[in-house]
Amino acid sequence: MARPSSTAPVQILLVEDSPDDADLMIVALREGNLVAQVKLVEDGETALRYLHAEAEFETSPRPDLILLDLHLPRKNGHEVLGEIKQHLELRRIPVVVLTSTESEQAFVDAYNLHANCCVSKPVDQAEYAQVVRKIEHFWLHVAQRVRWGLARAAGASLGPMAELFYLDIGDLQGVYSCIP
């Protein structure tokens, strides 16, 4: 079952300190099939203030998806990811780690901190567009949110979690890899 269509844009938080990489990602997101509102922040501390709706971000919408670079000033991506995944409400937001590192250990560390997906940064606009289409398809169409009210009505006991992600296997064609 595909994600129900909605007129509300998908809220995406892009945490990226490189203006060139940020521009490539934003252009690729705009070229996608998704109506998305992208908020760009350039360092880890600002990302956490945004997610906690502090100060100037008090009225900012909660993101549906976080695209997180690992190499950030003020607080690196691993630290930001660790704080997100320890927070009861924030940990449900899918976090896709985007990094230019070739270090397998950086990916292992991100997965150990419960990253939902790790992707090597593409090198050009065409590759960015392809990666964005894959991210959009998987995280915003295949992996769907079950609303707490629906889960409770079905007899689920979720404790403090307000929603879960599940995979609709019928939407997968062949083996899908999150890492392009």
Protein backbone atom coordinates (compact mmCIF):
# COMPACT_ATOMS: atom_id res chain seq x y z
CA MET A 1 0.00 0.00 0.00
CA ALA A 2 1.47 3.35 -1.01
CA ARG A 3 1.64 6.22 1.41
CA PRO A 4 -1.63 8.16 1.36
CA SER A 5 -1.33 11.33 -0.65
CA SER A 6 -1.48 14.57 1.21
CA THR A 7 -1.44 18.20 0.26
CA ALA A 8 0.93 18.98 3.12
CA PRO A 9 4.58 19.05 2.04
CA VAL A 10 6.97 16.50 3.48
CA GLN A 11 9.20 18.24 6.03
CA ILE A 12 12.89 17.46 5.52
CA LEU A 13 15.69 18.66 7.77
CA LEU A 14 18.98 18.81 5.86
CA VAL A 15 21.99 19.07 8.18
CA GLU A 16 24.90 19.96 5.91
CA ASP A 17 27.77 22.42 6.31
CA SER A 18 29.01 22.35 2.72
CA PRO A 19 27.13 24.93 0.63
CA ASP A 20 27.93 23.00 -2.57
CA ASP A 21 26.62 19.68 -1.20
CA ALA A 22 23.57 21.43 0.28
CA ASP A 23 22.78 23.06 -3.07
CA LEU A 24 23.11 19.74 -4.91
CA MET A 25 20.77 18.03 -2.45
CA ILE A 26 18.19 20.81 -2.46
CA VAL A 27 18.12 20.92 -6.28
CA ALA A 28 17.74 17.13 -6.38
CA LEU A 29 14.90 17.27 -3.84
CA ARG A 30 13.11 19.95 -5.89
CA GLU A 31 13.46 17.82 -9.03
CA GLY A 32 11.90 14.83 -7.29
CA ASN A 33 8.28 13.70 -7.35
CA LEU A 34 7.67 14.90 -3.85
CA VAL A 35 6.32 18.15 -2.51
CA ALA A 36 8.95 18.84 0.12
CA GLN A 37 9.82 21.70 2.38
CA VAL A 38 13.54 21.59 3.14
CA LYS A 39 15.06 23.32 6.15
CA LEU A 40 18.84 23.63 5.93
CA VAL A 41 20.97 23.96 9.05
CA GLU A 42 24.76 24.04 8.89
CA ASP A 43 25.98 22.60 12.18
CA GLY A 44 25.08 19.98 14.76
CA GLU A 45 24.14 22.34 17.58
CA THR A 46 21.70 24.24 15.36
CA ALA A 47 20.20 20.93 14.19
CA LEU A 48 19.47 19.94 17.78
CA ARG A 49 18.00 23.36 18.61
CA TYR A 50 15.74 22.97 15.57
CA LEU A 51 14.65 19.46 16.58
CA HIS A 52 13.94 20.55 20.15
CA ALA A 53 12.02 23.63 18.87
CA GLU A 54 14.25 25.97 20.84
CA ALA A 55 14.68 29.74 20.41
CA GLU A 56 14.20 30.80 16.79
CA PHE A 57 12.85 27.34 15.89
CA GLU A 58 10.03 27.38 18.42
CA THR A 59 7.31 27.20 15.75
CA SER A 60 9.20 25.08 13.22
CA PRO A 61 7.52 21.89 12.03
CA ARG A 62 8.85 18.50 13.13
CA PRO A 63 10.68 16.91 10.18
CA ASP A 64 9.40 13.73 8.52
CA LEU A 65 12.97 12.87 7.48
CA ILE A 66 16.46 14.00 8.52
CA LEU A 67 19.36 14.01 6.05
CA LEU A 68 22.48 14.21 8.20
CA ASP A 69 26.10 14.83 7.23
CA LEU A 70 28.67 13.32 9.60
CA HIS A 71 31.37 15.99 9.31
CA LEU A 72 29.75 19.01 10.94
CA PRO A 73 31.09 21.93 12.96
CA ARG A 74 30.21 22.52 16.62
CA LYS A 75 28.76 19.01 17.09
CA ASN A 76 29.53 16.21 14.63
CA GLY A 77 26.94 14.01 12.93
CA HIS A 78 27.60 11.02 15.18
CA GLU A 79 26.92 13.16 18.27
CA VAL A 80 23.74 14.60 16.72
CA LEU A 81 22.56 11.13 15.71
CA GLY A 82 23.22 9.78 19.21
CA GLU A 83 21.15 12.55 20.79
CA ILE A 84 18.31 12.12 18.29
CA LYS A 85 18.06 8.38 18.84
CA GLN A 86 18.10 8.75 22.65
CA HIS A 87 15.16 11.16 22.65
CA LEU A 88 11.77 9.44 23.01
CA GLU A 89 10.01 11.51 20.34
CA LEU A 90 12.87 12.33 17.99
CA ARG A 91 14.12 8.76 17.63
CA ARG A 92 11.10 7.88 15.47
CA ILE A 93 12.19 10.31 12.75
CA PRO A 94 14.13 8.42 10.06
CA VAL A 95 17.72 9.63 9.83
CA VAL A 96 19.61 9.09 6.58
CA VAL A 97 23.33 9.68 7.07
CA LEU A 98 25.00 11.19 4.02
CA THR A 99 28.77 11.28 4.10
CA SER A 100 31.75 11.65 1.80
CA THR A 101 33.90 9.43 3.99
CA GLU A 102 35.11 6.12 2.65
CA SER A 103 35.63 4.82 6.17
CA GLU A 104 33.62 1.69 6.82
CA GLN A 105 34.04 2.38 10.54
CA ALA A 106 32.12 5.67 10.16
CA PHE A 107 29.19 3.69 8.72
CA VAL A 108 29.44 1.05 11.45
CA ASP A 109 29.48 3.77 14.10
CA ALA A 110 26.41 5.44 12.54
CA TYR A 111 24.49 2.15 12.43
CA ASN A 112 25.51 1.43 16.03
CA LEU A 113 23.90 4.77 16.91
CA HIS A 114 20.73 3.56 15.11
CA ALA A 115 21.01 5.46 11.83
CA ASN A 116 18.18 4.28 9.63
CA CYS A 117 20.37 4.35 6.55
CA CYS A 118 23.88 5.39 5.48
CA VAL A 119 24.61 6.68 1.99
CA SER A 120 27.88 7.74 0.36
CA LYS A 121 27.53 11.25 -0.99
CA PRO A 122 27.24 11.36 -4.75
CA VAL A 123 29.74 13.39 -6.73
CA ASP A 124 27.49 15.10 -9.30
CA GLN A 125 23.94 16.35 -9.81
CA ALA A 126 22.77 13.29 -11.77
CA GLU A 127 23.93 10.96 -8.99
CA TYR A 128 22.36 13.22 -6.33
CA ALA A 129 19.05 13.07 -8.19
CA GLN A 130 19.24 9.26 -8.32
CA VAL A 131 20.03 9.01 -4.59
CA VAL A 132 17.20 11.40 -3.72
CA ARG A 133 14.72 9.34 -5.77
CA LYS A 134 15.78 6.21 -3.88
CA ILE A 135 15.53 7.96 -0.50
CA GLU A 136 12.12 9.41 -1.42
CA HIS A 137 10.83 6.08 -2.64
CA PHE A 138 11.94 4.06 0.32
CA TRP A 139 11.54 6.40 3.30
CA LEU A 140 8.50 8.30 2.11
CA HIS A 141 6.58 5.64 0.16
CA VAL A 142 7.65 2.12 1.13
CA ALA A 143 8.37 2.54 4.85
CA GLN A 144 5.09 3.84 6.17
CA ARG A 145 4.06 5.24 9.50
CA VAL A 146 1.38 3.54 11.50
CA ARG A 147 -0.44 6.17 13.54
CA TRP A 148 -0.67 5.47 17.26
CA GLY A 149 -4.48 5.59 17.27
CA LEU A 150 -4.67 2.96 14.54
CA ALA A 151 -2.09 0.75 16.23
CA ARG A 152 -3.89 1.00 19.57
CA ALA A 153 -7.22 0.14 17.89
CA ALA A 154 -5.54 -2.95 16.45
CA GLY A 155 -4.47 -3.99 19.96
CA ALA A 156 -0.82 -2.98 19.75
CA SER A 157 1.00 -2.09 22.94
CA LEU A 158 3.68 0.41 22.00
CA GLY A 159 4.61 1.90 25.33
CA PRO A 160 5.95 5.44 24.93
CA MET A 161 6.16 5.24 21.14
CA ALA A 162 3.50 7.18 19.28
CA GLU A 163 4.04 5.54 15.91
CA LEU A 164 5.96 2.75 14.24
CA PHE A 165 7.44 2.17 10.82
CA TYR A 166 6.62 -0.91 8.87
CA LEU A 167 7.48 -2.14 5.41
CA ASP A 168 4.83 -2.90 2.86
CA ILE A 169 6.63 -5.71 1.06
CA GLY A 170 4.23 -5.46 -1.89
CA ASP A 171 5.83 -2.12 -2.79
CA LEU A 172 9.31 -3.61 -3.04
CA GLN A 173 10.37 -4.84 -6.43
CA GLY A 174 13.30 -7.18 -6.01
CA VAL A 175 15.88 -6.52 -3.34
CA TYR A 176 16.01 -2.87 -2.32
CA SER A 177 19.24 -1.46 -0.99
CA CYS A 178 19.25 1.75 0.96
CA ILE A 179 22.87 2.32 -0.02
CA PRO A 180 23.05 3.23 -3.73
